[in-house]
Amino acid sequence: MISLLISFLVLLLGYIFYGKLVDGVFKPDQRETPANKINDGVDYVPLKTWKAFLIQLLNIAGTGPIFGALMGACFGPVVFLWIILGSILGGGVHDYMVGMISERNDGKSIAELSGIYLGKGALWLMRIFSVLLLLLTGTVFISSPASLIARLTPESLNTTFWIVIILIYYILATLLPIDKIIGKLYPVFGVVLICMALGILGGIVFGGYTVPEITFASLHPEGLPVWPFMFVTVACGAISGFHATQSPMVAKCITSEKEGKKVFYGAMMMESVIALVWAAGGVAFYGATGGLNQALSSLGQSGVVYDISTGMLGSVGGVIAIIGVVACPITSGDTAFRSARLILSELTGLNQKSIRNRLIITIPLLAAGAVLTQLNFNVLWRYFSWSNQTLAMISLWVATAYLLKTNSAKFASLVTALPATFMSAVSMTYILVADEGFKLGTNIAYPVGICFASVCFVIYVVVCAKTRNGIQE
């Protein structure tokens, strides 16, 4: 329990001090933001800071910090270290930089930003990669809440029924102006989400459960090593490329650059709190990583969430907690499809002020998501997790290129270059060794992953040296 409490404290200190450092590297000023400059009444809409924060939090906090944290907890309490350090040094930096760079570029998507700062090849790669990731994300966030809601309703209202209902909501949330549904519902969902996290935390503390202290060893019952599997399994709770598709959406709505730290970095810290609560809840409720892993195998992620919620909080408290868990994926799924619409609108040039143009893009997107719900959830999750971390890697290199171009401080770009290098090693090693990848042995995958990351960093150093004398303000 001491490790868990210290983890919460470290996240708070990370927000205060490291967040301030990152904010200072970016150098926010008083320039007019896209929300006020463009304000089209659909996607560019000025929002109050607290509302922008809640929308950002609910956009990024899908099932990742819950399902991913539970699966990551199978490695043991070492997962606490990855959540707090990954979030402070990687995830918070990633979300803040992408959001603020997008704001400086009239709310452009991560795909367009890649083209601006890494070249045309990166633009097309990221257009394809981003839309595919958002489709996978939206699909995962249709299936998982539908299966949870089905557990709380009569048998006639099965998972398929709730998939249809969620898809109808997604169509509306994707099409309508951001302040009509998302802006009005998200504050309510935000309260439910926070109550859910507090409820599970209270269940751990007052239910007499034991949370093991941090150890560096992997306690995974199937013998999976921490490197690289844990760093991909726990994506959204520590660092997630999906967030790079969400931050530009909120960047279209903030009214002052000075609020960027609260909205982007702050939302990432709060998501990490949720991940910590569920990682701790998983190992505490089942007593050991073996019990948790067995439960995940037999019940699935939704079943484990149901068991923990009702087991710790009783039937009424469990229902409240499950509603909070359901709010997470639904409020990420709707904005996943919305972000995909915006990226495709940039590609096609279709003005999104027209409802007709929005329909032209939205209907095929949701249809594809409906088809993908028929695939195995665990397979979808594995590919989602790897593509998530790969997108995070690319997004951090985009941010590094931006800082090299605009910041005259000698080592400023290291705040993004170092986590970018780390994620380069994670992404390459995982796809080489994983079952859904090339299935190579660690004797090959580990050296290749390290070499790939090293080459990326050497290129960064060379570019850094070349551009040091040509900084553009």
Protein backbone atom coordinates (compact mmCIF):
# COMPACT_ATOMS: atom_id res chain seq x y z
CA MET A 1 0.00 0.00 0.00
CA ILE A 2 2.90 2.35 0.73
CA SER A 3 4.11 1.95 -2.88
CA LEU A 4 0.67 2.91 -4.19
CA LEU A 5 0.45 6.03 -2.00
CA ILE A 6 3.96 7.09 -2.99
CA SER A 7 3.01 6.59 -6.64
CA PHE A 8 0.12 9.04 -6.29
CA LEU A 9 2.45 11.57 -4.64
CA VAL A 10 5.06 11.21 -7.38
CA LEU A 11 2.41 11.86 -10.05
CA LEU A 12 1.38 15.06 -8.26
CA LEU A 13 4.98 16.24 -7.95
CA GLY A 14 5.61 15.30 -11.58
CA TYR A 15 2.71 17.48 -12.69
CA ILE A 16 3.90 20.43 -10.60
CA PHE A 17 7.61 20.35 -11.41
CA TYR A 18 8.24 18.35 -14.60
CA GLY A 19 5.06 19.72 -16.15
CA LYS A 20 6.37 23.21 -15.46
CA LEU A 21 9.67 22.30 -17.13
CA VAL A 22 7.93 20.99 -20.25
CA ASP A 23 5.69 24.06 -20.35
CA GLY A 24 8.80 26.26 -20.17
CA VAL A 25 10.40 24.39 -23.06
CA PHE A 26 7.38 25.00 -25.28
CA LYS A 27 7.05 28.67 -24.21
CA PRO A 28 3.29 29.35 -24.36
CA ASP A 29 2.31 32.96 -25.03
CA GLN A 30 -0.78 35.16 -25.47
CA ARG A 31 -1.36 34.62 -29.21
CA GLU A 32 -4.91 34.07 -30.47
CA THR A 33 -5.90 30.40 -30.45
CA PRO A 34 -7.71 28.55 -33.29
CA ALA A 35 -10.87 28.36 -31.14
CA ASN A 36 -11.22 32.14 -31.37
CA LYS A 37 -9.51 32.72 -34.71
CA ILE A 38 -11.46 30.12 -36.73
CA ASN A 39 -14.54 29.28 -34.60
CA ASP A 40 -16.65 27.38 -37.16
CA GLY A 41 -19.27 26.34 -34.61
CA VAL A 42 -18.62 22.63 -35.27
CA ASP A 43 -15.06 21.57 -34.38
CA TYR A 44 -13.48 24.93 -33.54
CA VAL A 45 -15.51 26.04 -30.52
CA PRO A 46 -14.15 28.01 -27.51
CA LEU A 47 -14.56 26.02 -24.29
CA LYS A 48 -13.87 26.86 -20.66
CA THR A 49 -10.66 25.34 -19.32
CA TRP A 50 -12.38 22.95 -16.89
CA LYS A 51 -14.60 21.66 -19.66
CA ALA A 52 -11.67 21.28 -22.07
CA PHE A 53 -9.83 19.33 -19.34
CA LEU A 54 -12.75 16.95 -18.80
CA ILE A 55 -13.18 16.39 -22.53
CA GLN A 56 -9.45 15.67 -22.92
CA LEU A 57 -9.51 13.28 -19.93
CA LEU A 58 -12.53 11.38 -21.18
CA ASN A 59 -11.16 11.35 -24.74
CA ILE A 60 -7.96 9.63 -23.68
CA ALA A 61 -9.24 7.51 -20.76
CA GLY A 62 -10.82 4.64 -22.65
CA THR A 63 -10.55 1.04 -21.54
CA GLY A 64 -6.76 1.39 -21.79
CA PRO A 65 -6.07 2.61 -18.23
CA ILE A 66 -8.50 -0.06 -16.95
CA PHE A 67 -8.12 -3.17 -19.12
CA GLY A 68 -4.48 -2.40 -19.94
CA ALA A 69 -3.65 -1.74 -16.29
CA LEU A 70 -5.29 -5.01 -15.21
CA MET A 71 -3.33 -6.98 -17.81
CA GLY A 72 -0.18 -5.07 -16.89
CA ALA A 73 -0.73 -5.90 -13.20
CA CYS A 74 -0.09 -9.55 -14.11
CA PHE A 75 3.60 -8.58 -14.24
CA GLY A 76 3.38 -7.54 -10.59
CA PRO A 77 3.79 -4.19 -8.82
CA VAL A 78 6.66 -3.25 -11.15
CA VAL A 79 3.78 -1.94 -13.27
CA PHE A 80 3.47 0.98 -10.81
CA LEU A 81 6.90 2.22 -11.87
CA TRP A 82 6.03 2.17 -15.56
CA ILE A 83 2.74 3.99 -15.01
CA ILE A 84 4.22 6.84 -12.99
CA LEU A 85 7.55 7.29 -14.82
CA GLY A 86 6.06 6.59 -18.24
CA SER A 87 3.34 9.15 -17.62
CA ILE A 88 5.53 11.93 -16.20
CA LEU A 89 8.48 11.59 -18.59
CA GLY A 90 6.65 10.26 -21.64
CA GLY A 91 2.86 10.37 -21.73
CA GLY A 92 2.41 13.84 -20.26
CA VAL A 93 5.13 15.26 -22.52
CA HIS A 94 3.61 13.49 -25.54
CA ASP A 95 0.06 14.74 -24.97
CA TYR A 96 1.10 18.29 -24.10
CA MET A 97 3.47 18.73 -27.04
CA VAL A 98 1.11 17.29 -29.65
CA GLY A 99 -1.78 19.40 -28.32
CA MET A 100 0.22 22.62 -28.20
CA ILE A 101 1.99 22.12 -31.54
CA SER A 102 -1.42 21.44 -33.10
CA GLU A 103 -2.75 24.63 -31.51
CA ARG A 104 0.16 26.55 -33.06
CA ASN A 105 -0.81 25.07 -36.45
CA ASP A 106 -4.53 25.91 -36.46
CA GLY A 107 -5.58 22.61 -34.86
CA LYS A 108 -4.05 20.33 -37.49
CA SER A 109 -4.03 16.56 -36.87
CA ILE A 110 -0.94 14.56 -35.93
CA ALA A 111 -0.83 13.30 -39.54
CA GLU A 112 -0.60 16.84 -40.92
CA LEU A 113 1.92 17.82 -38.26
CA SER A 114 4.07 14.84 -39.29
CA GLY A 115 4.07 16.15 -42.85
CA ILE A 116 5.06 19.65 -41.72
CA TYR A 117 7.95 18.60 -39.48
CA LEU A 118 9.09 15.19 -40.84
CA GLY A 119 8.24 15.43 -44.56
CA LYS A 120 5.67 14.21 -47.09
CA GLY A 121 6.50 10.52 -46.59
CA ALA A 122 5.67 10.82 -42.89
CA LEU A 123 2.45 12.66 -43.79
CA TRP A 124 1.04 9.76 -45.82
CA LEU A 125 2.34 7.14 -43.40
CA MET A 126 0.64 8.87 -40.49
CA ARG A 127 -2.58 9.47 -42.39
CA ILE A 128 -2.92 5.75 -43.00
CA PHE A 129 -1.58 4.73 -39.60
CA SER A 130 -3.74 7.21 -37.67
CA VAL A 131 -7.01 6.28 -39.37
CA LEU A 132 -6.33 2.55 -38.94
CA LEU A 133 -5.49 3.07 -35.26
CA LEU A 134 -8.62 5.15 -34.73
CA LEU A 135 -10.72 2.47 -36.39
CA LEU A 136 -9.22 -0.18 -34.10
CA THR A 137 -9.69 2.12 -31.11
CA GLY A 138 -13.28 2.91 -31.94
CA THR A 139 -14.01 -0.78 -32.45
CA VAL A 140 -12.42 -1.80 -29.15
CA PHE A 141 -14.44 0.94 -27.47
CA ILE A 142 -17.68 -0.39 -28.98
CA SER A 143 -17.22 -4.01 -27.92
CA SER A 144 -15.92 -3.56 -24.37
CA PRO A 145 -18.64 -1.22 -22.99
CA ALA A 146 -21.36 -3.20 -24.79
CA SER A 147 -20.32 -6.42 -23.05
CA LEU A 148 -20.21 -4.67 -19.65
CA ILE A 149 -23.64 -3.05 -20.04
CA ALA A 150 -25.08 -6.41 -21.13
CA ARG A 151 -24.10 -7.83 -17.72
CA LEU A 152 -26.31 -5.27 -16.00
CA THR A 153 -29.40 -5.64 -18.20
CA PRO A 154 -31.91 -8.43 -19.01
CA GLU A 155 -30.77 -11.22 -21.34
CA SER A 156 -32.91 -9.85 -24.16
CA LEU A 157 -30.71 -6.74 -24.14
CA ASN A 158 -27.56 -8.61 -25.12
CA THR A 159 -24.17 -7.39 -26.29
CA THR A 160 -25.30 -7.07 -29.92
CA PHE A 161 -28.20 -4.83 -28.86
CA TRP A 162 -25.87 -2.50 -26.98
CA ILE A 163 -23.38 -2.45 -29.86
CA VAL A 164 -26.16 -1.04 -32.05
CA ILE A 165 -27.14 1.56 -29.41
CA ILE A 166 -23.52 2.66 -28.95
CA LEU A 167 -23.04 2.92 -32.72
CA ILE A 168 -26.09 5.21 -32.97
CA TYR A 169 -24.64 7.42 -30.23
CA TYR A 170 -21.26 7.45 -32.02
CA ILE A 171 -22.90 8.66 -35.23
CA LEU A 172 -24.47 11.59 -33.39
CA ALA A 173 -21.30 12.44 -31.41
CA THR A 174 -19.18 12.28 -34.57
CA LEU A 175 -21.52 14.46 -36.64
CA LEU A 176 -22.83 17.12 -34.28
CA PRO A 177 -20.89 20.23 -33.10
CA ILE A 178 -18.56 19.43 -30.23
CA ASP A 179 -20.45 21.58 -27.74
CA LYS A 180 -23.86 19.97 -28.44
CA ILE A 181 -23.35 16.41 -27.12
CA ILE A 182 -19.73 16.01 -26.05
CA GLY A 183 -19.58 19.40 -24.32
CA LYS A 184 -22.80 18.74 -22.40
CA LEU A 185 -22.46 15.04 -21.48
CA TYR A 186 -18.75 14.90 -20.66
CA PRO A 187 -18.94 16.90 -17.40
CA VAL A 188 -21.49 14.35 -16.14
CA PHE A 189 -19.38 11.43 -17.34
CA GLY A 190 -16.34 13.07 -15.74
CA VAL A 191 -17.99 13.10 -12.32
CA VAL A 192 -18.98 9.42 -12.74
CA LEU A 193 -15.43 8.53 -13.81
CA ILE A 194 -13.87 10.20 -10.77
CA CYS A 195 -16.42 8.59 -8.43
CA MET A 196 -15.57 5.20 -9.96
CA ALA A 197 -11.86 5.61 -9.30
CA LEU A 198 -12.47 6.85 -5.75
CA GLY A 199 -14.86 3.96 -5.14
CA ILE A 200 -12.36 1.28 -6.15
CA LEU A 201 -9.60 3.02 -4.18
CA GLY A 202 -11.88 3.15 -1.15
CA GLY A 203 -12.68 -0.53 -1.62
CA ILE A 204 -8.96 -1.36 -1.51
CA VAL A 205 -8.26 0.77 1.56
CA PHE A 206 -11.33 -0.03 3.67
CA GLY A 207 -11.89 -3.58 2.43
CA GLY A 208 -8.75 -4.87 4.08
CA TYR A 209 -7.04 -5.76 0.80
CA THR A 210 -3.26 -5.96 0.51
CA VAL A 211 -1.41 -4.23 -2.30
CA PRO A 212 2.10 -5.72 -2.77
CA GLU A 213 5.09 -3.39 -2.68
CA ILE A 214 7.17 -2.62 -5.76
CA THR A 215 9.59 -5.23 -7.04
CA PHE A 216 11.59 -5.02 -10.24
CA ALA A 217 11.15 -8.70 -11.10
CA SER A 218 8.42 -9.95 -13.44
CA LEU A 219 5.81 -11.96 -11.56
CA HIS A 220 3.86 -12.85 -14.69
CA PRO A 221 2.52 -16.41 -14.27
CA GLU A 222 3.14 -17.22 -17.95
CA GLY A 223 6.77 -16.14 -17.68
CA LEU A 224 6.46 -13.08 -19.93
CA PRO A 225 9.40 -10.71 -19.40
CA VAL A 226 8.80 -7.09 -18.45
CA TRP A 227 10.72 -5.96 -21.53
CA PRO A 228 9.09 -5.23 -23.92
CA PHE A 229 5.67 -6.77 -23.11
CA MET A 230 4.66 -4.67 -20.11
CA PHE A 231 5.48 -1.42 -21.92
CA VAL A 232 3.02 -2.30 -24.69
CA THR A 233 0.36 -3.94 -22.51
CA VAL A 234 0.00 -0.81 -20.37
CA ALA A 235 -0.36 1.81 -23.07
CA CYS A 236 -3.02 4.37 -22.20
CA GLY A 237 -2.11 4.52 -18.51
CA ALA A 238 1.49 5.53 -19.22
CA ILE A 239 1.96 6.69 -22.81
CA SER A 240 -0.33 6.20 -25.78
CA GLY A 241 -0.20 7.28 -29.41
CA PHE A 242 -3.99 7.33 -29.45
CA HIS A 243 -3.73 10.52 -27.39
CA ALA A 244 -1.91 12.16 -30.32
CA THR A 245 -5.14 11.82 -32.29
CA GLN A 246 -7.19 13.35 -29.46
CA SER A 247 -5.11 16.31 -28.31
CA PRO A 248 -5.52 18.18 -31.64
CA MET A 249 -9.29 17.96 -31.23
CA VAL A 250 -9.14 19.76 -27.88
CA ALA A 251 -6.44 22.10 -29.26
CA LYS A 252 -9.21 23.49 -31.48
CA CYS A 253 -11.16 24.49 -28.35
CA ILE A 254 -8.74 25.94 -25.77
CA THR A 255 -8.91 29.72 -25.43
CA SER A 256 -5.38 30.37 -24.10
CA GLU A 257 -2.01 28.69 -24.56
CA LYS A 258 -1.39 29.28 -20.85
CA GLU A 259 -4.02 26.61 -20.08
CA GLY A 260 -2.20 23.89 -22.04
CA LYS A 261 -0.41 22.37 -19.06
CA LYS A 262 -3.66 21.96 -17.11
CA VAL A 263 -5.59 20.52 -20.04
CA PHE A 264 -3.06 18.21 -21.73
CA TYR A 265 -0.40 17.34 -19.15
CA GLY A 266 -2.93 17.38 -16.31
CA ALA A 267 -5.36 15.02 -18.04
CA MET A 268 -2.55 12.51 -18.59
CA MET A 269 -1.65 12.56 -14.90
CA MET A 270 -5.28 11.96 -13.97
CA GLU A 271 -5.51 9.04 -16.39
CA SER A 272 -2.45 7.54 -14.72
CA VAL A 273 -4.21 7.77 -11.36
CA ILE A 274 -7.04 5.69 -12.83
CA ALA A 275 -4.54 3.15 -14.16
CA LEU A 276 -2.81 2.90 -10.77
CA VAL A 277 -6.13 2.31 -9.02
CA TRP A 278 -7.10 -0.54 -11.33
CA ALA A 279 -3.64 -2.14 -11.37
CA ALA A 280 -3.67 -2.13 -7.57
CA GLY A 281 -7.28 -3.32 -7.48
CA GLY A 282 -6.48 -6.27 -9.72
CA VAL A 283 -3.64 -7.72 -7.68
CA ALA A 284 -5.33 -6.84 -4.37
CA PHE A 285 -8.68 -8.44 -5.20
CA TYR A 286 -7.28 -11.69 -6.59
CA GLY A 287 -4.43 -11.90 -4.10
CA ALA A 288 -1.65 -12.59 -6.60
CA THR A 289 -0.75 -12.20 -10.25
CA GLY A 290 -1.60 -15.85 -10.88
CA GLY A 291 -5.18 -15.42 -9.71
CA LEU A 292 -5.59 -12.23 -11.73
CA ASN A 293 -4.18 -13.83 -14.87
CA GLN A 294 -6.45 -16.85 -14.48
CA ALA A 295 -9.47 -14.60 -14.02
CA LEU A 296 -8.58 -12.60 -17.15
CA SER A 297 -8.26 -15.83 -19.13
CA SER A 298 -11.55 -17.30 -17.94
CA LEU A 299 -13.75 -14.22 -17.50
CA GLY A 300 -12.21 -11.75 -19.93
CA GLN A 301 -11.43 -8.12 -19.11
CA SER A 302 -15.09 -7.11 -18.76
CA GLY A 303 -15.78 -10.02 -16.42
CA VAL A 304 -12.83 -9.12 -14.19
CA VAL A 305 -13.98 -5.49 -13.98
CA TYR A 306 -17.46 -6.71 -13.00
CA ASP A 307 -16.04 -9.06 -10.36
CA ILE A 308 -13.76 -6.45 -8.79
CA SER A 309 -16.45 -3.76 -8.78
CA THR A 310 -19.20 -5.87 -7.21
CA GLY A 311 -16.79 -7.76 -4.96
CA MET A 312 -15.27 -4.63 -3.44
CA LEU A 313 -18.29 -2.34 -3.42
CA GLY A 314 -21.33 -4.60 -3.35
CA SER A 315 -24.14 -4.63 -5.91
CA VAL A 316 -25.02 -0.91 -5.76
CA GLY A 317 -21.46 0.38 -5.53
CA GLY A 318 -20.42 -2.12 -8.18
CA VAL A 319 -23.02 -0.82 -10.61
CA ILE A 320 -21.80 2.75 -10.06
CA ALA A 321 -18.19 1.67 -10.64
CA ILE A 322 -19.15 -0.24 -13.79
CA ILE A 323 -21.02 2.81 -15.14
CA GLY A 324 -17.78 4.75 -14.65
CA VAL A 325 -15.86 2.06 -16.50
CA VAL A 326 -18.42 2.13 -19.31
CA ALA A 327 -18.12 5.94 -19.56
CA CYS A 328 -14.38 5.64 -20.27
CA PRO A 329 -14.52 3.66 -23.54
CA ILE A 330 -17.69 5.30 -24.82
CA THR A 331 -16.23 8.77 -24.40
CA SER A 332 -13.04 7.69 -26.16
CA GLY A 333 -14.78 5.73 -28.89
CA ASP A 334 -16.94 8.64 -30.00
CA THR A 335 -13.95 10.97 -30.26
CA ALA A 336 -11.88 8.26 -31.99
CA PHE A 337 -14.35 8.28 -34.87
CA ARG A 338 -14.60 12.08 -34.68
CA SER A 339 -10.81 12.38 -34.96
CA ALA A 340 -10.79 9.96 -37.89
CA ARG A 341 -13.40 12.15 -39.59
CA LEU A 342 -11.22 15.23 -39.11
CA ILE A 343 -8.10 13.49 -40.49
CA LEU A 344 -10.02 12.26 -43.54
CA SER A 345 -11.46 15.75 -44.04
CA GLU A 346 -7.90 17.12 -44.20
CA LEU A 347 -7.07 14.45 -46.77
CA THR A 348 -10.17 14.95 -48.94
CA GLY A 349 -10.53 18.69 -48.49
CA LEU A 350 -14.22 18.32 -47.59
CA ASN A 351 -15.29 21.31 -45.49
CA GLN A 352 -16.76 19.95 -42.25
CA LYS A 353 -19.14 22.84 -41.66
CA SER A 354 -21.48 21.06 -44.09
CA ILE A 355 -23.50 18.21 -42.56
CA ARG A 356 -23.49 16.48 -45.95
CA ASN A 357 -19.70 16.37 -46.03
CA ARG A 358 -19.61 15.05 -42.47
CA LEU A 359 -22.03 12.28 -43.41
CA ILE A 360 -19.96 11.31 -46.46
CA ILE A 361 -17.00 10.54 -44.17
CA THR A 362 -18.80 9.37 -41.02
CA ILE A 363 -21.09 6.64 -42.40
CA PRO A 364 -18.31 4.52 -44.00
CA LEU A 365 -16.19 4.93 -40.86
CA LEU A 366 -18.89 3.65 -38.53
CA ALA A 367 -19.78 0.85 -40.96
CA ALA A 368 -16.16 -0.33 -40.91
CA GLY A 369 -16.18 -0.19 -37.10
CA ALA A 370 -19.35 -2.30 -36.98
CA VAL A 371 -17.70 -4.97 -39.15
CA LEU A 372 -14.55 -5.03 -37.01
CA THR A 373 -16.59 -5.70 -33.83
CA GLN A 374 -17.02 -9.26 -35.11
CA LEU A 375 -13.29 -9.96 -34.69
CA ASN A 376 -11.77 -11.47 -31.55
CA PHE A 377 -11.34 -8.76 -28.90
CA ASN A 378 -7.96 -10.05 -27.64
CA VAL A 379 -6.52 -10.02 -31.17
CA LEU A 380 -7.81 -6.48 -31.73
CA TRP A 381 -6.33 -5.39 -28.40
CA ARG A 382 -2.84 -6.72 -29.20
CA TYR A 383 -2.66 -4.94 -32.54
CA PHE A 384 -4.20 -1.84 -31.02
CA SER A 385 -1.57 -1.83 -28.25
CA TRP A 386 1.41 -2.14 -30.60
CA SER A 387 0.11 0.42 -33.10
CA ASN A 388 -0.63 2.67 -30.13
CA GLN A 389 2.96 2.69 -28.96
CA THR A 390 4.34 3.02 -32.48
CA LEU A 391 2.21 6.10 -33.05
CA ALA A 392 3.48 7.50 -29.73
CA MET A 393 7.05 6.96 -30.93
CA ILE A 394 6.42 8.85 -34.18
CA SER A 395 4.52 11.64 -32.43
CA LEU A 396 7.41 12.22 -30.03
CA TRP A 397 9.83 12.47 -32.96
CA VAL A 398 7.47 15.01 -34.56
CA ALA A 399 7.57 17.04 -31.34
CA THR A 400 11.36 16.75 -31.30
CA ALA A 401 11.58 18.09 -34.84
CA TYR A 402 9.34 21.00 -33.84
CA LEU A 403 11.54 21.88 -30.86
CA LEU A 404 14.69 21.67 -32.96
CA LYS A 405 13.14 24.16 -35.35
CA THR A 406 11.73 26.63 -32.84
CA ASN A 407 13.60 26.44 -29.52
CA SER A 408 17.06 27.97 -29.17
CA ALA A 409 17.86 26.27 -25.83
CA LYS A 410 20.68 23.76 -26.40
CA PHE A 411 19.14 20.71 -24.74
CA ALA A 412 15.42 21.61 -24.81
CA SER A 413 14.50 18.95 -27.36
CA LEU A 414 15.81 16.19 -25.08
CA VAL A 415 12.48 16.28 -23.20
CA THR A 416 10.92 14.66 -26.28
CA ALA A 417 13.96 12.97 -27.86
CA LEU A 418 14.68 10.73 -24.86
CA PRO A 419 11.16 9.25 -24.53
CA ALA A 420 11.03 9.01 -28.35
CA THR A 421 14.21 6.93 -28.31
CA PHE A 422 12.86 4.71 -25.53
CA MET A 423 9.57 4.12 -27.38
CA SER A 424 11.52 3.36 -30.57
CA ALA A 425 13.21 0.49 -28.74
CA VAL A 426 9.89 -0.71 -27.26
CA SER A 427 8.01 -0.65 -30.57
CA MET A 428 10.70 -2.37 -32.65
CA THR A 429 11.52 -5.03 -30.04
CA TYR A 430 7.87 -5.92 -29.47
CA ILE A 431 6.90 -6.42 -33.11
CA LEU A 432 9.95 -8.63 -33.62
CA VAL A 433 9.33 -10.89 -30.62
CA ALA A 434 5.52 -10.95 -30.24
CA ASP A 435 3.24 -13.71 -31.51
CA GLU A 436 1.33 -11.22 -33.64
CA GLY A 437 4.66 -9.99 -35.04
CA PHE A 438 7.69 -11.88 -36.38
CA LYS A 439 8.02 -14.33 -33.43
CA LEU A 440 11.81 -13.97 -33.31
CA GLY A 441 13.88 -14.98 -30.31
CA THR A 442 15.01 -12.40 -27.78
CA ASN A 443 18.63 -13.00 -28.84
CA ILE A 444 17.72 -11.29 -32.13
CA ALA A 445 14.87 -8.98 -31.13
CA TYR A 446 16.64 -7.31 -28.19
CA PRO A 447 19.82 -6.27 -30.06
CA VAL A 448 17.86 -5.15 -33.14
CA GLY A 449 15.51 -3.07 -30.96
CA ILE A 450 18.42 -1.42 -29.18
CA CYS A 451 20.25 -0.77 -32.47
CA PHE A 452 17.12 0.77 -34.02
CA ALA A 453 16.67 3.12 -31.07
CA SER A 454 20.39 3.98 -31.12
CA VAL A 455 20.28 4.84 -34.82
CA CYS A 456 17.24 7.07 -34.23
CA PHE A 457 19.07 8.91 -31.46
CA VAL A 458 22.25 9.31 -33.52
CA ILE A 459 20.19 10.82 -36.35
CA TYR A 460 18.65 13.18 -33.81
CA VAL A 461 22.10 14.25 -32.54
CA VAL A 462 23.34 14.88 -36.10
CA VAL A 463 20.24 16.90 -37.02
CA CYS A 464 20.48 18.76 -33.72
CA ALA A 465 24.06 19.78 -34.48
CA LYS A 466 23.17 20.90 -38.01
CA THR A 467 20.17 22.99 -37.00
CA ARG A 468 21.64 24.55 -33.85
CA ASN A 469 22.85 27.60 -35.76
CA GLY A 470 19.67 27.99 -37.80
CA ILE A 471 16.92 28.25 -35.17
CA GLN A 472 13.72 29.86 -36.42
CA GLU A 473 11.50 31.68 -33.96
